[in-house]
Amino acid sequence: MDVSAFADIEADFNARVSRIVWCTITTVDAKGRPRSRILHPVWEGSTGWIMTGRQSFKAKHLAKNANVAVSYWDQQHDNVYAECEATWADDAATKQHVWDLFKATPEPYGYDPKMFFPAADNPAFGVLKLTPRRIELSSLSDLPAQRPPRVWRA
């Protein structure tokens, strides 16, 4: 079932991503092959933020293809799927904002970035911005009731 506004799924989306925390993100390498890894975004509305190393396979893949698939799943079979464009946010103000966001968000959804980077101005510290074009919420519990997934498109 298509929804017209992100606000129509926002509460359920936030409940799921903040409870599940870790997601699988898939990029595509220069030869067109998918590569998945587990990452920990924090979302502000429909924008996702990932703190990660600036020199990684992700960075190489995203330089060729900025499209990523994001997938959350839990043992209750509540799912979130997002098709996003991933872009580097290299300006100091955004990096500091994301640093502060992760630090201020209670664990386990947030965490202290100093576990991985000494400071927000560290050159190895990178921030990926996820801009979704499509978000889908589905659940195994919806199948018996024949409730379709809820889909928002930007």
N, C-alpha and C. Protein backbone atom coordinates (compact mmCIF):
# COMPACT_ATOMS: atom_id res chain seq x y z
N MET A 1 0.85 -1.16 0.00
CA MET A 1 0.00 0.00 0.00
C MET A 1 0.90 1.23 0.00
N ASP A 2 0.75 2.07 -0.99
CA ASP A 2 1.52 3.31 -1.05
C ASP A 2 0.97 4.32 -0.05
N VAL A 3 1.88 5.03 0.58
CA VAL A 3 1.50 6.13 1.46
C VAL A 3 1.98 7.42 0.82
N SER A 4 1.28 8.51 1.06
CA SER A 4 1.59 9.74 0.35
C SER A 4 2.68 10.57 1.02
N ALA A 5 2.89 10.39 2.31
CA ALA A 5 3.87 11.20 3.02
C ALA A 5 4.68 10.33 3.97
N PHE A 6 5.94 10.70 4.14
CA PHE A 6 6.79 9.96 5.07
C PHE A 6 6.16 9.96 6.47
N ALA A 7 5.48 11.03 6.82
CA ALA A 7 4.84 11.13 8.14
C ALA A 7 3.87 9.97 8.38
N ASP A 8 3.33 9.38 7.31
CA ASP A 8 2.39 8.28 7.45
C ASP A 8 3.04 7.01 7.98
N ILE A 9 4.36 6.87 7.81
CA ILE A 9 5.07 5.67 8.31
C ILE A 9 6.16 6.02 9.32
N GLU A 10 6.34 7.31 9.58
CA GLU A 10 7.49 7.76 10.37
C GLU A 10 7.57 7.12 11.76
N ALA A 11 6.48 7.06 12.48
CA ALA A 11 6.52 6.51 13.84
C ALA A 11 6.93 5.04 13.82
N ASP A 12 6.34 4.26 12.94
CA ASP A 12 6.68 2.84 12.85
C ASP A 12 8.11 2.66 12.33
N PHE A 13 8.50 3.46 11.35
CA PHE A 13 9.87 3.43 10.83
C PHE A 13 10.87 3.68 11.97
N ASN A 14 10.67 4.77 12.73
CA ASN A 14 11.58 5.09 13.83
C ASN A 14 11.60 4.02 14.90
N ALA A 15 10.44 3.47 15.21
CA ALA A 15 10.39 2.40 16.22
C ALA A 15 11.22 1.20 15.78
N ARG A 16 11.11 0.85 14.51
CA ARG A 16 11.85 -0.31 14.02
C ARG A 16 13.35 -0.07 13.94
N VAL A 17 13.76 1.03 13.30
CA VAL A 17 15.20 1.23 13.11
C VAL A 17 15.91 1.48 14.44
N SER A 18 15.24 2.11 15.39
CA SER A 18 15.89 2.35 16.68
C SER A 18 15.92 1.10 17.56
N ARG A 19 15.02 0.15 17.29
CA ARG A 19 15.01 -1.12 18.02
C ARG A 19 15.98 -2.12 17.38
N ILE A 20 15.97 -2.20 16.05
CA ILE A 20 16.82 -3.16 15.35
C ILE A 20 18.27 -2.67 15.29
N VAL A 21 18.49 -1.39 15.10
CA VAL A 21 19.77 -0.68 15.13
C VAL A 21 20.66 -1.01 13.93
N TRP A 22 21.10 -2.24 13.81
CA TRP A 22 22.05 -2.64 12.77
C TRP A 22 21.30 -3.06 11.51
N CYS A 23 21.84 -2.66 10.36
CA CYS A 23 21.21 -3.02 9.09
C CYS A 23 22.25 -3.52 8.11
N THR A 24 21.78 -4.16 7.08
CA THR A 24 22.64 -4.56 5.98
C THR A 24 22.56 -3.49 4.91
N ILE A 25 23.70 -3.03 4.47
CA ILE A 25 23.77 -2.05 3.38
C ILE A 25 24.57 -2.67 2.25
N THR A 26 23.99 -2.60 1.06
CA THR A 26 24.62 -3.19 -0.12
C THR A 26 25.00 -2.09 -1.10
N THR A 27 26.25 -2.14 -1.53
CA THR A 27 26.75 -1.26 -2.58
C THR A 27 27.06 -2.13 -3.80
N VAL A 28 27.47 -1.48 -4.88
CA VAL A 28 27.84 -2.20 -6.10
C VAL A 28 29.28 -1.80 -6.45
N ASP A 29 30.12 -2.81 -6.69
CA ASP A 29 31.52 -2.49 -7.01
C ASP A 29 31.68 -2.08 -8.46
N ALA A 30 32.90 -1.76 -8.86
CA ALA A 30 33.18 -1.25 -10.21
C ALA A 30 32.87 -2.28 -11.30
N LYS A 31 32.78 -3.55 -10.92
CA LYS A 31 32.46 -4.60 -11.90
C LYS A 31 30.98 -4.97 -11.87
N GLY A 32 30.18 -4.20 -11.13
CA GLY A 32 28.74 -4.44 -11.09
C GLY A 32 28.31 -5.52 -10.11
N ARG A 33 29.19 -5.93 -9.21
CA ARG A 33 28.87 -6.98 -8.24
C ARG A 33 28.42 -6.36 -6.92
N PRO A 34 27.36 -6.90 -6.32
CA PRO A 34 26.91 -6.36 -5.03
C PRO A 34 27.85 -6.78 -3.90
N ARG A 35 27.95 -5.91 -2.90
CA ARG A 35 28.70 -6.22 -1.69
C ARG A 35 27.92 -5.68 -0.51
N SER A 36 27.66 -6.54 0.45
CA SER A 36 26.88 -6.16 1.63
C SER A 36 27.76 -6.11 2.86
N ARG A 37 27.35 -5.26 3.79
CA ARG A 37 28.01 -5.19 5.08
C ARG A 37 27.00 -4.68 6.11
N ILE A 38 27.32 -4.90 7.38
CA ILE A 38 26.45 -4.47 8.47
C ILE A 38 26.92 -3.09 8.93
N LEU A 39 25.97 -2.15 8.99
CA LEU A 39 26.28 -0.78 9.43
C LEU A 39 25.22 -0.30 10.42
N HIS A 40 25.49 0.85 10.99
CA HIS A 40 24.69 1.39 12.09
C HIS A 40 24.30 2.84 11.80
N PRO A 41 23.27 3.05 10.98
CA PRO A 41 22.82 4.43 10.74
C PRO A 41 21.99 4.96 11.90
N VAL A 42 21.93 6.26 12.00
CA VAL A 42 20.95 6.95 12.83
C VAL A 42 20.16 7.83 11.87
N TRP A 43 18.85 7.82 12.04
CA TRP A 43 17.96 8.53 11.12
C TRP A 43 17.41 9.78 11.78
N GLU A 44 17.34 10.85 10.99
CA GLU A 44 16.64 12.09 11.36
C GLU A 44 15.55 12.25 10.32
N GLY A 45 14.33 11.96 10.71
CA GLY A 45 13.26 11.94 9.72
C GLY A 45 13.58 10.90 8.67
N SER A 46 13.51 11.28 7.41
CA SER A 46 13.80 10.32 6.34
C SER A 46 15.25 10.37 5.88
N THR A 47 16.10 11.09 6.60
CA THR A 47 17.53 11.16 6.26
C THR A 47 18.32 10.27 7.21
N GLY A 48 19.13 9.40 6.63
CA GLY A 48 19.98 8.52 7.43
C GLY A 48 21.41 9.05 7.45
N TRP A 49 22.09 8.82 8.57
CA TRP A 49 23.48 9.23 8.73
C TRP A 49 24.30 8.02 9.16
N ILE A 50 25.45 7.85 8.55
CA ILE A 50 26.37 6.77 8.91
C ILE A 50 27.74 7.38 9.15
N MET A 51 28.34 7.05 10.29
CA MET A 51 29.72 7.42 10.55
C MET A 51 30.59 6.25 10.11
N THR A 52 31.58 6.53 9.28
CA THR A 52 32.39 5.45 8.73
C THR A 52 33.75 5.98 8.30
N GLY A 53 34.66 5.09 8.05
CA GLY A 53 35.97 5.47 7.54
C GLY A 53 35.87 6.03 6.13
N ARG A 54 36.64 7.06 5.88
CA ARG A 54 36.59 7.73 4.57
C ARG A 54 37.32 6.92 3.49
N GLN A 55 38.22 6.04 3.90
CA GLN A 55 38.97 5.19 2.96
C GLN A 55 38.51 3.74 3.18
N SER A 56 37.58 3.29 2.37
CA SER A 56 37.02 1.95 2.54
C SER A 56 36.52 1.44 1.20
N PHE A 57 36.14 0.17 1.17
CA PHE A 57 35.50 -0.36 -0.04
C PHE A 57 34.23 0.41 -0.35
N LYS A 58 33.49 0.80 0.71
CA LYS A 58 32.28 1.60 0.50
C LYS A 58 32.59 2.85 -0.31
N ALA A 59 33.64 3.55 0.09
CA ALA A 59 34.00 4.80 -0.60
C ALA A 59 34.33 4.54 -2.06
N LYS A 60 35.06 3.46 -2.33
CA LYS A 60 35.40 3.13 -3.72
C LYS A 60 34.15 2.78 -4.52
N HIS A 61 33.25 2.01 -3.92
CA HIS A 61 32.02 1.63 -4.60
C HIS A 61 31.15 2.86 -4.87
N LEU A 62 30.99 3.71 -3.86
CA LEU A 62 30.11 4.87 -3.99
C LEU A 62 30.65 5.89 -4.98
N ALA A 63 31.96 5.90 -5.21
CA ALA A 63 32.52 6.81 -6.20
C ALA A 63 32.04 6.45 -7.60
N LYS A 64 31.70 5.18 -7.81
CA LYS A 64 31.21 4.73 -9.13
C LYS A 64 29.69 4.67 -9.19
N ASN A 65 29.06 4.37 -8.05
CA ASN A 65 27.61 4.19 -8.03
C ASN A 65 27.12 4.55 -6.63
N ALA A 66 26.39 5.64 -6.52
CA ALA A 66 25.95 6.16 -5.21
C ALA A 66 24.69 5.49 -4.68
N ASN A 67 24.16 4.49 -5.39
CA ASN A 67 22.94 3.82 -4.95
C ASN A 67 23.27 2.71 -3.95
N VAL A 68 22.49 2.67 -2.87
CA VAL A 68 22.64 1.63 -1.87
C VAL A 68 21.27 1.06 -1.52
N ALA A 69 21.29 -0.20 -1.13
CA ALA A 69 20.10 -0.86 -0.59
C ALA A 69 20.31 -1.03 0.90
N VAL A 70 19.31 -0.68 1.69
CA VAL A 70 19.37 -0.75 3.15
C VAL A 70 18.28 -1.72 3.60
N SER A 71 18.65 -2.67 4.47
CA SER A 71 17.69 -3.67 4.91
C SER A 71 17.83 -3.93 6.41
N TYR A 72 16.70 -3.77 7.13
CA TYR A 72 16.63 -4.10 8.55
C TYR A 72 15.70 -5.30 8.70
N TRP A 73 16.03 -6.19 9.63
CA TRP A 73 15.21 -7.37 9.92
C TRP A 73 15.37 -7.71 11.39
N ASP A 74 14.30 -8.17 12.02
CA ASP A 74 14.42 -8.68 13.39
C ASP A 74 13.72 -10.03 13.50
N GLN A 75 13.81 -10.65 14.66
CA GLN A 75 13.27 -12.00 14.84
C GLN A 75 11.76 -12.05 14.81
N GLN A 76 11.11 -10.91 14.92
CA GLN A 76 9.65 -10.87 14.76
C GLN A 76 9.29 -10.73 13.28
N HIS A 77 10.32 -10.65 12.44
CA HIS A 77 10.15 -10.48 10.99
C HIS A 77 9.53 -9.13 10.65
N ASP A 78 9.85 -8.13 11.44
CA ASP A 78 9.55 -6.76 11.06
C ASP A 78 10.69 -6.30 10.17
N ASN A 79 10.37 -5.76 9.02
CA ASN A 79 11.38 -5.39 8.04
C ASN A 79 11.27 -3.93 7.66
N VAL A 80 12.41 -3.35 7.33
CA VAL A 80 12.49 -2.03 6.72
C VAL A 80 13.45 -2.16 5.55
N TYR A 81 13.01 -1.70 4.39
CA TYR A 81 13.86 -1.67 3.21
C TYR A 81 13.89 -0.24 2.70
N ALA A 82 15.08 0.23 2.40
CA ALA A 82 15.21 1.59 1.86
C ALA A 82 16.16 1.56 0.67
N GLU A 83 15.73 2.19 -0.40
CA GLU A 83 16.59 2.38 -1.57
C GLU A 83 17.03 3.84 -1.52
N CYS A 84 18.35 4.04 -1.43
CA CYS A 84 18.87 5.37 -1.13
C CYS A 84 20.00 5.77 -2.06
N GLU A 85 20.21 7.08 -2.12
CA GLU A 85 21.45 7.62 -2.66
C GLU A 85 22.33 7.94 -1.45
N ALA A 86 23.58 7.51 -1.51
CA ALA A 86 24.53 7.77 -0.43
C ALA A 86 25.55 8.79 -0.91
N THR A 87 25.66 9.89 -0.18
CA THR A 87 26.61 10.94 -0.54
C THR A 87 27.45 11.28 0.68
N TRP A 88 28.69 11.66 0.44
CA TRP A 88 29.57 12.07 1.52
C TRP A 88 29.21 13.49 1.96
N ALA A 89 29.11 13.68 3.25
CA ALA A 89 28.88 15.00 3.84
C ALA A 89 30.21 15.41 4.48
N ASP A 90 31.01 16.15 3.74
CA ASP A 90 32.36 16.46 4.18
C ASP A 90 32.52 17.81 4.87
N ASP A 91 31.45 18.61 4.91
CA ASP A 91 31.61 19.92 5.55
C ASP A 91 31.66 19.76 7.06
N ALA A 92 32.45 20.62 7.68
CA ALA A 92 32.71 20.52 9.13
C ALA A 92 31.44 20.61 9.95
N ALA A 93 30.51 21.47 9.57
CA ALA A 93 29.28 21.65 10.36
C ALA A 93 28.44 20.38 10.36
N THR A 94 28.30 19.74 9.21
CA THR A 94 27.51 18.50 9.15
C THR A 94 28.21 17.38 9.91
N LYS A 95 29.51 17.26 9.75
CA LYS A 95 30.24 16.22 10.47
C LYS A 95 30.08 16.38 11.99
N GLN A 96 30.17 17.63 12.46
CA GLN A 96 30.00 17.87 13.89
C GLN A 96 28.56 17.57 14.33
N HIS A 97 27.59 17.95 13.49
CA HIS A 97 26.19 17.67 13.80
C HIS A 97 25.95 16.17 13.95
N VAL A 98 26.46 15.39 13.02
CA VAL A 98 26.26 13.94 13.06
C VAL A 98 26.99 13.34 14.25
N TRP A 99 28.19 13.81 14.52
CA TRP A 99 28.95 13.37 15.69
C TRP A 99 28.11 13.59 16.96
N ASP A 100 27.59 14.80 17.10
CA ASP A 100 26.78 15.15 18.28
C ASP A 100 25.49 14.35 18.33
N LEU A 101 24.88 14.10 17.17
CA LEU A 101 23.64 13.31 17.11
C LEU A 101 23.87 11.90 17.63
N PHE A 102 24.91 11.24 17.16
CA PHE A 102 25.21 9.88 17.62
C PHE A 102 25.53 9.87 19.10
N LYS A 103 26.29 10.84 19.55
CA LYS A 103 26.69 10.89 20.96
C LYS A 103 25.50 11.17 21.88
N ALA A 104 24.56 12.01 21.43
CA ALA A 104 23.41 12.38 22.26
C ALA A 104 22.28 11.35 22.22
N THR A 105 22.28 10.50 21.22
CA THR A 105 21.22 9.49 21.10
C THR A 105 21.52 8.33 22.05
N PRO A 106 20.55 7.96 22.89
CA PRO A 106 20.81 6.88 23.85
C PRO A 106 21.18 5.56 23.16
N GLU A 107 22.09 4.82 23.83
CA GLU A 107 22.47 3.49 23.35
C GLU A 107 21.26 2.57 23.45
N PRO A 108 21.14 1.58 22.61
CA PRO A 108 22.11 1.14 21.62
C PRO A 108 21.98 1.82 20.27
N TYR A 109 20.96 2.66 20.09
CA TYR A 109 20.78 3.32 18.80
C TYR A 109 21.89 4.33 18.54
N GLY A 110 22.29 5.07 19.55
CA GLY A 110 23.42 5.98 19.44
C GLY A 110 24.62 5.37 20.15
N TYR A 111 25.75 6.04 20.03
CA TYR A 111 26.96 5.59 20.71
C TYR A 111 27.97 6.72 20.70
N ASP A 112 29.03 6.56 21.49
CA ASP A 112 30.08 7.57 21.56
C ASP A 112 31.02 7.37 20.37
N PRO A 113 31.09 8.32 19.45
CA PRO A 113 31.94 8.18 18.27
C PRO A 113 33.42 8.02 18.58
N LYS A 114 33.85 8.43 19.78
CA LYS A 114 35.26 8.30 20.14
C LYS A 114 35.71 6.85 20.21
N MET A 115 34.76 5.92 20.18
CA MET A 115 35.15 4.50 20.12
C MET A 115 35.89 4.21 18.82
N PHE A 116 35.63 5.01 17.78
CA PHE A 116 36.20 4.74 16.46
C PHE A 116 37.07 5.87 15.91
N PHE A 117 36.76 7.11 16.29
CA PHE A 117 37.48 8.27 15.77
C PHE A 117 37.78 9.21 16.92
N PRO A 118 38.97 9.81 16.95
CA PRO A 118 39.31 10.68 18.09
C PRO A 118 38.50 11.97 18.15
N ALA A 119 38.08 12.47 16.98
CA ALA A 119 37.33 13.74 16.96
C ALA A 119 36.62 13.88 15.62
N ALA A 120 35.63 14.77 15.59
CA ALA A 120 34.85 14.98 14.37
C ALA A 120 35.69 15.59 13.25
N ASP A 121 36.78 16.24 13.59
CA ASP A 121 37.63 16.83 12.55
C ASP A 121 38.76 15.91 12.10
N ASN A 122 38.74 14.66 12.53
CA ASN A 122 39.74 13.69 12.11
C ASN A 122 39.58 13.41 10.62
N PRO A 123 40.66 13.46 9.84
CA PRO A 123 40.54 13.25 8.39
C PRO A 123 40.02 11.87 8.00
N ALA A 124 40.19 10.88 8.85
CA ALA A 124 39.70 9.53 8.54
C ALA A 124 38.20 9.39 8.79
N PHE A 125 37.63 10.34 9.53
CA PHE A 125 36.21 10.30 9.89
C PHE A 125 35.36 10.75 8.71
N GLY A 126 34.44 9.88 8.29
CA GLY A 126 33.55 10.22 7.19
C GLY A 126 32.10 10.12 7.61
N VAL A 127 31.28 10.91 6.97
CA VAL A 127 29.84 10.88 7.21
C VAL A 127 29.14 10.62 5.88
N LEU A 128 28.35 9.56 5.86
CA LEU A 128 27.51 9.27 4.69
C LEU A 128 26.09 9.72 4.98
N LYS A 129 25.53 10.43 4.04
CA LYS A 129 24.13 10.85 4.11
C LYS A 129 23.32 9.92 3.21
N LEU A 130 22.30 9.30 3.79
CA LEU A 130 21.39 8.44 3.04
C LEU A 130 20.12 9.23 2.71
N THR A 131 19.85 9.38 1.43
CA THR A 131 18.64 10.07 0.98
C THR A 131 17.77 9.03 0.27
N PRO A 132 16.72 8.57 0.92
CA PRO A 132 15.91 7.52 0.31
C PRO A 132 15.00 8.03 -0.80
N ARG A 133 14.83 7.19 -1.80
CA ARG A 133 13.82 7.46 -2.82
C ARG A 133 12.62 6.55 -2.60
N ARG A 134 12.82 5.50 -1.79
CA ARG A 134 11.75 4.54 -1.49
C ARG A 134 12.04 3.89 -0.15
N ILE A 135 11.01 3.82 0.70
CA ILE A 135 11.11 3.10 1.98
C ILE A 135 9.90 2.18 2.06
N GLU A 136 10.16 0.93 2.42
CA GLU A 136 9.09 -0.07 2.57
C GLU A 136 9.14 -0.65 3.97
N LEU A 137 7.97 -0.72 4.60
CA LEU A 137 7.82 -1.40 5.89
C LEU A 137 6.94 -2.62 5.67
N SER A 138 7.42 -3.76 6.09
CA SER A 138 6.63 -4.98 5.99
C SER A 138 6.83 -5.80 7.24
N SER A 139 5.94 -6.78 7.43
CA SER A 139 6.01 -7.62 8.61
C SER A 139 5.37 -8.96 8.31
N LEU A 140 5.96 -10.01 8.83
CA LEU A 140 5.37 -11.34 8.66
C LEU A 140 3.96 -11.38 9.23
N SER A 141 3.72 -10.63 10.30
CA SER A 141 2.39 -10.63 10.92
C SER A 141 1.32 -10.03 10.00
N ASP A 142 1.75 -9.28 8.98
CA ASP A 142 0.78 -8.71 8.04
C ASP A 142 0.29 -9.73 7.01
N LEU A 143 1.04 -10.78 6.78
CA LEU A 143 0.68 -11.74 5.73
C LEU A 143 -0.66 -12.45 5.98
N PRO A 144 -0.90 -13.02 7.16
CA PRO A 144 -2.19 -13.69 7.36
C PRO A 144 -3.39 -12.76 7.19
N ALA A 145 -3.21 -11.50 7.53
CA ALA A 145 -4.30 -10.52 7.41
C ALA A 145 -4.34 -9.92 6.00
N GLN A 146 -3.43 -10.34 5.15
CA GLN A 146 -3.34 -9.86 3.77
C GLN A 146 -3.17 -8.34 3.70
N ARG A 147 -2.40 -7.82 4.68
CA ARG A 147 -2.06 -6.40 4.67
C ARG A 147 -0.79 -6.23 3.84
N PRO A 148 -0.83 -5.39 2.83
CA PRO A 148 0.37 -5.21 1.99
C PRO A 148 1.42 -4.37 2.71
N PRO A 149 2.67 -4.45 2.25
CA PRO A 149 3.69 -3.57 2.80
C PRO A 149 3.30 -2.11 2.60
N ARG A 150 3.77 -1.25 3.50
CA ARG A 150 3.56 0.20 3.35
C ARG A 150 4.79 0.77 2.66
N VAL A 151 4.56 1.50 1.58
CA VAL A 151 5.67 2.03 0.76
C VAL A 151 5.52 3.53 0.62
N TRP A 152 6.62 4.23 0.95
CA TRP A 152 6.69 5.67 0.72
C TRP A 152 7.74 5.92 -0.34
N ARG A 153 7.42 6.82 -1.24
CA ARG A 153 8.36 7.23 -2.29
C ARG A 153 8.57 8.74 -2.19
N ALA A 154 9.83 9.13 -2.28
CA ALA A 154 10.16 10.56 -2.21
C ALA A 154 9.63 11.28 -3.43
